[in-house]
């Protein structure tokens, strides 16, 4: 199974930022990123960032915020407002 362009680009970016990777390997990763972006890999990344999240998980996260004692009152108020807007409480 081949990996997605987003995963490939992510792996190359990790290699570039890894102090244990040689400069030669970092340069190969830079070139690979350029090729992937030319082939539309960057578009796949942008689409992935803009895709909608699982609404149930989002609501669950806001509900968890309300019950978490380490969360500020301001954050809890924001979560409460969002949950009310979504008719989730």
PDB file of N, CA and C in Angstrom:
ATOM      1  N   UNK A   1       0.847  -1.172   0.000  1.00  0.00           N
ATOM      2  CA  UNK A   1       0.000   0.000   0.000  1.00  0.00           C
ATOM      3  C   UNK A   1       0.896   1.240   0.000  1.00  0.00           C
ATOM      4  N   UNK A   2       0.614   2.162  -0.918  1.00  0.00           N
ATOM      5  CA  UNK A   2       1.424   3.369  -0.988  1.00  0.00           C
ATOM      6  C   UNK A   2       0.883   4.404  -0.005  1.00  0.00           C
ATOM      7  N   UNK A   3       1.769   5.252   0.455  1.00  0.00           N
ATOM      8  CA  UNK A   3       1.342   6.280   1.403  1.00  0.00           C
ATOM      9  C   UNK A   3       0.801   7.490   0.651  1.00  0.00           C
ATOM     10  N   UNK A   4       0.021   8.263   1.316  1.00  0.00           N
ATOM     11  CA  UNK A   4      -0.564   9.460   0.734  1.00  0.00           C
ATOM     12  C   UNK A   4       0.507  10.521   0.563  1.00  0.00           C
ATOM     13  N   UNK A   5       0.328  11.428  -0.405  1.00  0.00           N
ATOM     14  CA  UNK A   5       1.313  12.508  -0.569  1.00  0.00           C
ATOM     15  C   UNK A   5       1.512  13.310   0.714  1.00  0.00           C
ATOM     16  N   UNK A   6       0.449  13.489   1.488  1.00  0.00           N
ATOM     17  CA  UNK A   6       0.589  14.242   2.736  1.00  0.00           C
ATOM     18  C   UNK A   6       1.520  13.531   3.701  1.00  0.00           C
ATOM     19  N   UNK A   7       1.429  12.209   3.749  1.00  0.00           N
ATOM     20  CA  UNK A   7       2.308  11.436   4.624  1.00  0.00           C
ATOM     21  C   UNK A   7       3.743  11.480   4.119  1.00  0.00           C
ATOM     22  N   UNK A   8       3.907  11.412   2.814  1.00  0.00           N
ATOM     23  CA  UNK A   8       5.245  11.460   2.237  1.00  0.00           C
ATOM     24  C   UNK A   8       5.900  12.804   2.516  1.00  0.00           C
ATOM     25  N   UNK A   9       5.156  13.880   2.283  1.00  0.00           N
ATOM     26  CA  UNK A   9       5.701  15.207   2.536  1.00  0.00           C
ATOM     27  C   UNK A   9       6.019  15.374   4.015  1.00  0.00           C
ATOM     28  N   UNK A  10       5.144  14.891   4.865  1.00  0.00           N
ATOM     29  CA  UNK A  10       5.392  14.971   6.307  1.00  0.00           C
ATOM     30  C   UNK A  10       6.654  14.240   6.714  1.00  0.00           C
ATOM     31  N   UNK A  11       6.872  13.078   6.141  1.00  0.00           N
ATOM     32  CA  UNK A  11       8.088  12.321   6.441  1.00  0.00           C
ATOM     33  C   UNK A  11       9.339  13.056   5.990  1.00  0.00           C
ATOM     34  N   UNK A  12       9.265  13.668   4.812  1.00  0.00           N
ATOM     35  CA  UNK A  12      10.418  14.425   4.315  1.00  0.00           C
ATOM     36  C   UNK A  12      10.679  15.663   5.165  1.00  0.00           C
ATOM     37  N   UNK A  13       9.624  16.317   5.607  1.00  0.00           N
ATOM     38  CA  UNK A  13       9.802  17.482   6.475  1.00  0.00           C
ATOM     39  C   UNK A  13      10.425  17.074   7.807  1.00  0.00           C
ATOM     40  N   UNK A  14      10.023  15.930   8.315  1.00  0.00           N
ATOM     41  CA  UNK A  14      10.615  15.434   9.561  1.00  0.00           C
ATOM     42  C   UNK A  14      12.098  15.158   9.365  1.00  0.00           C
ATOM     43  N   UNK A  15      12.463  14.585   8.235  1.00  0.00           N
ATOM     44  CA  UNK A  15      13.873  14.295   7.960  1.00  0.00           C
ATOM     45  C   UNK A  15      14.677  15.585   7.875  1.00  0.00           C
ATOM     46  N   UNK A  16      14.122  16.606   7.239  1.00  0.00           N
ATOM     47  CA  UNK A  16      14.826  17.879   7.096  1.00  0.00           C
ATOM     48  C   UNK A  16      15.093  18.508   8.459  1.00  0.00           C
ATOM     49  N   UNK A  17      14.175  18.344   9.387  1.00  0.00           N
ATOM     50  CA  UNK A  17      14.318  18.965  10.709  1.00  0.00           C
ATOM     51  C   UNK A  17      15.016  18.076  11.735  1.00  0.00           C
ATOM     52  N   UNK A  18      15.395  16.880  11.329  1.00  0.00           N
ATOM     53  CA  UNK A  18      16.042  15.940  12.248  1.00  0.00           C
ATOM     54  C   UNK A  18      17.549  16.196  12.251  1.00  0.00           C
ATOM     55  N   UNK A  19      18.129  16.533  13.408  1.00  0.00           N
ATOM     56  CA  UNK A  19      19.573  16.811  13.463  1.00  0.00           C
ATOM     57  C   UNK A  19      20.435  15.576  13.183  1.00  0.00           C
ATOM     58  N   UNK A  20      19.859  14.394  13.238  1.00  0.00           N
ATOM     59  CA  UNK A  20      20.621  13.166  13.006  1.00  0.00           C
ATOM     60  C   UNK A  20      20.656  12.742  11.540  1.00  0.00           C
ATOM     61  N   UNK A  21      19.995  13.502  10.674  1.00  0.00           N
ATOM     62  CA  UNK A  21      19.953  13.181   9.248  1.00  0.00           C
ATOM     63  C   UNK A  21      21.039  13.987   8.539  1.00  0.00           C
ATOM     64  N   UNK A  22      21.753  13.340   7.636  1.00  0.00           N
ATOM     65  CA  UNK A  22      22.845  14.004   6.911  1.00  0.00           C
ATOM     66  C   UNK A  22      22.313  15.101   6.004  1.00  0.00           C
ATOM     67  N   UNK A  23      23.175  16.047   5.674  1.00  0.00           N
ATOM     68  CA  UNK A  23      22.794  17.130   4.765  1.00  0.00           C
ATOM     69  C   UNK A  23      22.422  16.580   3.387  1.00  0.00           C
ATOM     70  N   UNK A  24      23.090  15.531   2.971  1.00  0.00           N
ATOM     71  CA  UNK A  24      22.782  14.909   1.684  1.00  0.00           C
ATOM     72  C   UNK A  24      21.355  14.361   1.667  1.00  0.00           C
ATOM     73  N   UNK A  25      20.990  13.683   2.735  1.00  0.00           N
ATOM     74  CA  UNK A  25      19.633  13.132   2.832  1.00  0.00           C
ATOM     75  C   UNK A  25      18.597  14.253   2.937  1.00  0.00           C
ATOM     76  N   UNK A  26      18.947  15.333   3.657  1.00  0.00           N
ATOM     77  CA  UNK A  26      18.027  16.461   3.760  1.00  0.00           C
ATOM     78  C   UNK A  26      17.782  17.080   2.390  1.00  0.00           C
ATOM     79  N   UNK A  27      18.831  17.182   1.587  1.00  0.00           N
ATOM     80  CA  UNK A  27      18.684  17.740   0.248  1.00  0.00           C
ATOM     81  C   UNK A  27      17.793  16.848  -0.622  1.00  0.00           C
ATOM     82  N   UNK A  28      17.953  15.530  -0.495  1.00  0.00           N
ATOM     83  CA  UNK A  28      17.075  14.609  -1.243  1.00  0.00           C
ATOM     84  C   UNK A  28      15.625  14.799  -0.812  1.00  0.00           C
ATOM     85  N   UNK A  29      15.413  15.014   0.481  1.00  0.00           N
ATOM     86  CA  UNK A  29      14.049  15.238   0.976  1.00  0.00           C
ATOM     87  C   UNK A  29      13.483  16.544   0.441  1.00  0.00           C
ATOM     88  N   UNK A  30      14.310  17.585   0.373  1.00  0.00           N
ATOM     89  CA  UNK A  30      13.837  18.859  -0.191  1.00  0.00           C
ATOM     90  C   UNK A  30      13.408  18.673  -1.640  1.00  0.00           C
ATOM     91  N   UNK A  31      14.206  17.935  -2.395  1.00  0.00           N
ATOM     92  CA  UNK A  31      13.872  17.680  -3.799  1.00  0.00           C
ATOM     93  C   UNK A  31      12.594  16.854  -3.926  1.00  0.00           C
ATOM     94  N   UNK A  32      12.449  15.868  -3.045  1.00  0.00           N
ATOM     95  CA  UNK A  32      11.248  15.027  -3.079  1.00  0.00           C
ATOM     96  C   UNK A  32      10.003  15.852  -2.771  1.00  0.00           C
ATOM     97  N   UNK A  33      10.110  16.785  -1.821  1.00  0.00           N
ATOM     98  CA  UNK A  33       8.974  17.652  -1.490  1.00  0.00           C
ATOM     99  C   UNK A  33       8.592  18.496  -2.702  1.00  0.00           C
ATOM    100  N   UNK A  34       9.594  19.052  -3.363  1.00  0.00           N
ATOM    101  CA  UNK A  34       9.317  19.860  -4.554  1.00  0.00           C
ATOM    102  C   UNK A  34       8.580  19.033  -5.616  1.00  0.00           C
ATOM    103  N   UNK A  35       9.011  17.793  -5.818  1.00  0.00           N
ATOM    104  CA  UNK A  35       8.369  16.918  -6.806  1.00  0.00           C
ATOM    105  C   UNK A  35       6.938  16.586  -6.402  1.00  0.00           C
ATOM    106  N   UNK A  36       6.740  16.271  -5.130  1.00  0.00           N
ATOM    107  CA  UNK A  36       5.396  15.948  -4.654  1.00  0.00           C
ATOM    108  C   UNK A  36       4.462  17.144  -4.771  1.00  0.00           C
ATOM    109  N   UNK A  37       4.974  18.322  -4.458  1.00  0.00           N
ATOM    110  CA  UNK A  37       4.142  19.517  -4.564  1.00  0.00           C
ATOM    111  C   UNK A  37       3.810  19.814  -6.024  1.00  0.00           C
ATOM    112  N   UNK A  38       4.756  19.563  -6.917  1.00  0.00           N
ATOM    113  CA  UNK A  38       4.503  19.771  -8.343  1.00  0.00           C
ATOM    114  C   UNK A  38       3.449  18.798  -8.858  1.00  0.00           C
ATOM    115  N   UNK A  39       3.374  17.611  -8.251  1.00  0.00           N
ATOM    116  CA  UNK A  39       2.405  16.589  -8.647  1.00  0.00           C
ATOM    117  C   UNK A  39       1.055  16.758  -7.958  1.00  0.00           C
ATOM    118  N   UNK A  40       0.897  17.811  -7.171  1.00  0.00           N
ATOM    119  CA  UNK A  40      -0.379  18.044  -6.494  1.00  0.00           C
ATOM    120  C   UNK A  40      -0.386  17.612  -5.040  1.00  0.00           C
ATOM    121  N   UNK A  41       0.736  17.229  -4.486  1.00  0.00           N
ATOM    122  CA  UNK A  41       0.794  16.822  -3.082  1.00  0.00           C
ATOM    123  C   UNK A  41       0.403  17.940  -2.141  1.00  0.00           C
ATOM    124  N   UNK A  42       0.767  19.175  -2.475  1.00  0.00           N
ATOM    125  CA  UNK A  42       0.416  20.310  -1.625  1.00  0.00           C
ATOM    126  C   UNK A  42      -1.096  20.527  -1.619  1.00  0.00           C
ATOM    127  N   UNK A  43      -1.735  20.288  -2.769  1.00  0.00           N
ATOM    128  CA  UNK A  43      -3.192  20.420  -2.823  1.00  0.00           C
ATOM    129  C   UNK A  43      -3.860  19.410  -1.899  1.00  0.00           C
ATOM    130  N   UNK A  44      -3.312  18.200  -1.851  1.00  0.00           N
ATOM    131  CA  UNK A  44      -3.875  17.168  -0.979  1.00  0.00           C
ATOM    132  C   UNK A  44      -3.738  17.576   0.486  1.00  0.00           C
ATOM    133  N   UNK A  45      -2.639  18.227   0.821  1.00  0.00           N
ATOM    134  CA  UNK A  45      -2.450  18.685   2.198  1.00  0.00           C
ATOM    135  C   UNK A  45      -3.481  19.753   2.538  1.00  0.00           C
ATOM    136  N   UNK A  46      -3.657  20.720   1.639  1.00  0.00           N
ATOM    137  CA  UNK A  46      -4.630  21.776   1.895  1.00  0.00           C
ATOM    138  C   UNK A  46      -6.041  21.216   2.014  1.00  0.00           C
ATOM    139  N   UNK A  47      -6.397  20.272   1.168  1.00  0.00           N
ATOM    140  CA  UNK A  47      -7.721  19.660   1.242  1.00  0.00           C
ATOM    141  C   UNK A  47      -7.898  18.931   2.564  1.00  0.00           C
ATOM    142  N   UNK A  48      -6.851  18.263   3.033  1.00  0.00           N
ATOM    143  CA  UNK A  48      -6.922  17.550   4.298  1.00  0.00           C
ATOM    144  C   UNK A  48      -7.132  18.483   5.467  1.00  0.00           C
ATOM    145  N   UNK A  49      -6.512  19.648   5.426  1.00  0.00           N
ATOM    146  CA  UNK A  49      -6.666  20.623   6.501  1.00  0.00           C
ATOM    147  C   UNK A  49      -8.054  21.241   6.502  1.00  0.00           C
ATOM    148  N   UNK A  50      -8.651  21.341   5.325  1.00  0.00           N
ATOM    149  CA  UNK A  50      -9.953  21.987   5.227  1.00  0.00           C
ATOM    150  C   UNK A  50     -11.117  21.013   5.346  1.00  0.00           C
ATOM    151  N   UNK A  51     -10.824  19.729   5.425  1.00  0.00           N
ATOM    152  CA  UNK A  51     -11.919  18.772   5.492  1.00  0.00           C
ATOM    153  C   UNK A  51     -12.628  18.881   6.835  1.00  0.00           C
ATOM    154  N   UNK A  52     -13.911  18.588   6.833  1.00  0.00           N
ATOM    155  CA  UNK A  52     -14.666  18.700   8.072  1.00  0.00           C
ATOM    156  C   UNK A  52     -14.314  17.557   9.014  1.00  0.00           C
ATOM    157  N   UNK A  53     -14.338  17.878  10.268  1.00  0.00           N
ATOM    158  CA  UNK A  53     -14.016  16.889  11.288  1.00  0.00           C
ATOM    159  C   UNK A  53     -15.286  16.120  11.651  1.00  0.00           C
ATOM    160  N   UNK A  54     -15.100  14.970  12.276  1.00  0.00           N
ATOM    161  CA  UNK A  54     -16.233  14.176  12.731  1.00  0.00           C
ATOM    162  C   UNK A  54     -16.988  14.984  13.775  1.00  0.00           C
ATOM    163  N   UNK A  55     -18.192  15.354  13.459  1.00  0.00           N
ATOM    164  CA  UNK A  55     -18.983  16.228  14.332  1.00  0.00           C
ATOM    165  C   UNK A  55     -19.162  15.639  15.730  1.00  0.00           C
ATOM    166  N   UNK A  56     -19.319  14.327  15.818  1.00  0.00           N
ATOM    167  CA  UNK A  56     -19.458  13.691  17.131  1.00  0.00           C
ATOM    168  C   UNK A  56     -18.217  13.867  17.983  1.00  0.00           C
ATOM    169  N   UNK A  57     -17.046  13.790  17.364  1.00  0.00           N
ATOM    170  CA  UNK A  57     -15.801  13.990  18.109  1.00  0.00           C
ATOM    171  C   UNK A  57     -15.651  15.438  18.559  1.00  0.00           C
ATOM    172  N   UNK A  58     -16.059  16.358  17.706  1.00  0.00           N
ATOM    173  CA  UNK A  58     -15.977  17.775  18.055  1.00  0.00           C
ATOM    174  C   UNK A  58     -16.864  18.058  19.257  1.00  0.00           C
ATOM    175  N   UNK A  59     -18.090  17.583  19.202  1.00  0.00           N
ATOM    176  CA  UNK A  59     -19.024  17.794  20.310  1.00  0.00           C
ATOM    177  C   UNK A  59     -18.502  17.140  21.583  1.00  0.00           C
ATOM    178  N   UNK A  60     -17.969  15.937  21.447  1.00  0.00           N
ATOM    179  CA  UNK A  60     -17.404  15.255  22.611  1.00  0.00           C
ATOM    180  C   UNK A  60     -16.261  16.035  23.237  1.00  0.00           C
ATOM    181  N   UNK A  61     -15.453  16.653  22.406  1.00  0.00           N
ATOM    182  CA  UNK A  61     -14.342  17.460  22.917  1.00  0.00           C
ATOM    183  C   UNK A  61     -14.825  18.662  23.701  1.00  0.00           C
ATOM    184  N   UNK A  62     -15.860  19.331  23.184  1.00  0.00           N
ATOM    185  CA  UNK A  62     -16.409  20.475  23.907  1.00  0.00           C
ATOM    186  C   UNK A  62     -17.064  20.047  25.216  1.00  0.00           C
ATOM    187  N   UNK A  63     -17.730  18.903  25.215  1.00  0.00           N
ATOM    188  CA  UNK A  63     -18.335  18.412  26.458  1.00  0.00           C
ATOM    189  C   UNK A  63     -17.257  18.065  27.480  1.00  0.00           C
ATOM    190  N   UNK A  64     -16.166  17.491  27.004  1.00  0.00           N
ATOM    191  CA  UNK A  64     -15.053  17.182  27.912  1.00  0.00           C
ATOM    192  C   UNK A  64     -14.460  18.464  28.488  1.00  0.00           C
ATOM    193  N   UNK A  65     -14.424  19.510  27.685  1.00  0.00           N
ATOM    194  CA  UNK A  65     -13.922  20.804  28.155  1.00  0.00           C
ATOM    195  C   UNK A  65     -14.727  21.299  29.341  1.00  0.00           C
ATOM    196  N   UNK A  66     -16.037  21.127  29.276  1.00  0.00           N
ATOM    197  CA  UNK A  66     -16.904  21.590  30.365  1.00  0.00           C
ATOM    198  C   UNK A  66     -16.615  20.885  31.681  1.00  0.00           C
ATOM    199  N   UNK A  67     -16.177  19.642  31.612  1.00  0.00           N
ATOM    200  CA  UNK A  67     -15.970  18.841  32.825  1.00  0.00           C
ATOM    201  C   UNK A  67     -14.527  18.834  33.312  1.00  0.00           C
ATOM    202  N   UNK A  68     -13.613  19.396  32.533  1.00  0.00           N
ATOM    203  CA  UNK A  68     -12.191  19.354  32.876  1.00  0.00           C
ATOM    204  C   UNK A  68     -11.859  20.459  33.882  1.00  0.00           C
ATOM    205  N   UNK A  69     -11.391  20.097  35.091  1.00  0.00           N
ATOM    206  CA  UNK A  69     -11.087  21.107  36.099  1.00  0.00           C
ATOM    207  C   UNK A  69      -9.866  21.968  35.752  1.00  0.00           C
ATOM    208  N   UNK A  70      -9.079  21.546  34.772  1.00  0.00           N
ATOM    209  CA  UNK A  70      -7.884  22.300  34.405  1.00  0.00           C
ATOM    210  C   UNK A  70      -8.131  23.319  33.287  1.00  0.00           C
ATOM    211  N   UNK A  71      -9.376  23.441  32.864  1.00  0.00           N
ATOM    212  CA  UNK A  71      -9.732  24.355  31.791  1.00  0.00           C
ATOM    213  C   UNK A  71     -10.258  25.658  32.391  1.00  0.00           C
ATOM    214  N   UNK A  72      -9.875  26.786  31.794  1.00  0.00           N
ATOM    215  CA  UNK A  72     -10.305  28.093  32.302  1.00  0.00           C
ATOM    216  C   UNK A  72     -11.815  28.273  32.143  1.00  0.00           C
ATOM    217  N   UNK A  73     -12.357  29.169  32.939  1.00  0.00           N
ATOM    218  CA  UNK A  73     -13.784  29.473  32.853  1.00  0.00           C
ATOM    219  C   UNK A  73     -14.115  30.068  31.492  1.00  0.00           C
ATOM    220  N   UNK A  74     -13.198  30.848  30.962  1.00  0.00           N
ATOM    221  CA  UNK A  74     -13.416  31.448  29.644  1.00  0.00           C
ATOM    222  C   UNK A  74     -13.572  30.369  28.572  1.00  0.00           C
ATOM    223  N   UNK A  75     -12.712  29.358  28.615  1.00  0.00           N
ATOM    224  CA  UNK A  75     -12.791  28.256  27.642  1.00  0.00           C
ATOM    225  C   UNK A  75     -14.074  27.457  27.836  1.00  0.00           C
ATOM    226  N   UNK A  76     -14.467  27.276  29.087  1.00  0.00           N
ATOM    227  CA  UNK A  76     -15.709  26.544  29.361  1.00  0.00           C
ATOM    228  C   UNK A  76     -16.918  27.311  28.837  1.00  0.00           C
ATOM    229  N   UNK A  77     -16.911  28.632  28.983  1.00  0.00           N
ATOM    230  CA  UNK A  77     -18.013  29.449  28.473  1.00  0.00           C
ATOM    231  C   UNK A  77     -18.093  29.356  26.949  1.00  0.00           C
ATOM    232  N   UNK A  78     -16.932  29.384  26.303  1.00  0.00           N
ATOM    233  CA  UNK A  78     -16.900  29.263  24.841  1.00  0.00           C
ATOM    234  C   UNK A  78     -17.444  27.902  24.408  1.00  0.00           C
ATOM    235  N   UNK A  79     -17.024  26.842  25.097  1.00  0.00           N
ATOM    236  CA  UNK A  79     -17.492  25.489  24.782  1.00  0.00           C
ATOM    237  C   UNK A  79     -19.001  25.392  24.987  1.00  0.00           C
ATOM    238  N   UNK A  80     -19.483  25.972  26.065  1.00  0.00           N
ATOM    239  CA  UNK A  80     -20.918  25.967  26.363  1.00  0.00           C
ATOM    240  C   UNK A  80     -21.696  26.655  25.240  1.00  0.00           C
ATOM    241  N   UNK A  81     -21.193  27.800  24.795  1.00  0.00           N
ATOM    242  CA  UNK A  81     -21.857  28.548  23.732  1.00  0.00           C
ATOM    243  C   UNK A  81     -21.905  27.735  22.435  1.00  0.00           C
ATOM    244  N   UNK A  82     -20.802  27.106  22.085  1.00  0.00           N
ATOM    245  CA  UNK A  82     -20.741  26.315  20.854  1.00  0.00           C
ATOM    246  C   UNK A  82     -21.691  25.131  20.933  1.00  0.00           C
ATOM    247  N   UNK A  83     -21.720  24.462  22.073  1.00  0.00           N
ATOM    248  CA  UNK A  83     -22.608  23.310  22.241  1.00  0.00           C
ATOM    249  C   UNK A  83     -24.070  23.734  22.140  1.00  0.00           C
ATOM    250  N   UNK A  84     -24.392  24.907  22.692  1.00  0.00           N
ATOM    251  CA  UNK A  84     -25.755  25.413  22.578  1.00  0.00           C
ATOM    252  C   UNK A  84     -26.110  25.723  21.128  1.00  0.00           C
ATOM    253  N   UNK A  85     -25.162  26.309  20.397  1.00  0.00           N
ATOM    254  CA  UNK A  85     -25.395  26.619  18.976  1.00  0.00           C
ATOM    255  C   UNK A  85     -25.623  25.344  18.149  1.00  0.00           C
ATOM    256  N   UNK A  86     -24.976  24.271  18.551  1.00  0.00           N
ATOM    257  CA  UNK A  86     -25.096  23.006  17.831  1.00  0.00           C
ATOM    258  C   UNK A  86     -26.240  22.151  18.378  1.00  0.00           C
ATOM    259  N   UNK A  87     -26.990  22.693  19.311  1.00  0.00           N
ATOM    260  CA  UNK A  87     -28.080  21.948  19.970  1.00  0.00           C
ATOM    261  C   UNK A  87     -27.598  20.619  20.519  1.00  0.00           C
ATOM    262  N   UNK A  88     -26.422  20.647  21.119  1.00  0.00           N
ATOM    263  CA  UNK A  88     -25.823  19.418  21.630  1.00  0.00           C
ATOM    264  C   UNK A  88     -26.005  19.262  23.131  1.00  0.00           C
ATOM    265  N   UNK A  89     -26.581  20.288  23.769  1.00  0.00           N
ATOM    266  CA  UNK A  89     -26.853  20.169  25.210  1.00  0.00           C
ATOM    267  C   UNK A  89     -28.213  20.741  25.514  1.00  0.00           C
TER     268      UNK A  89
END
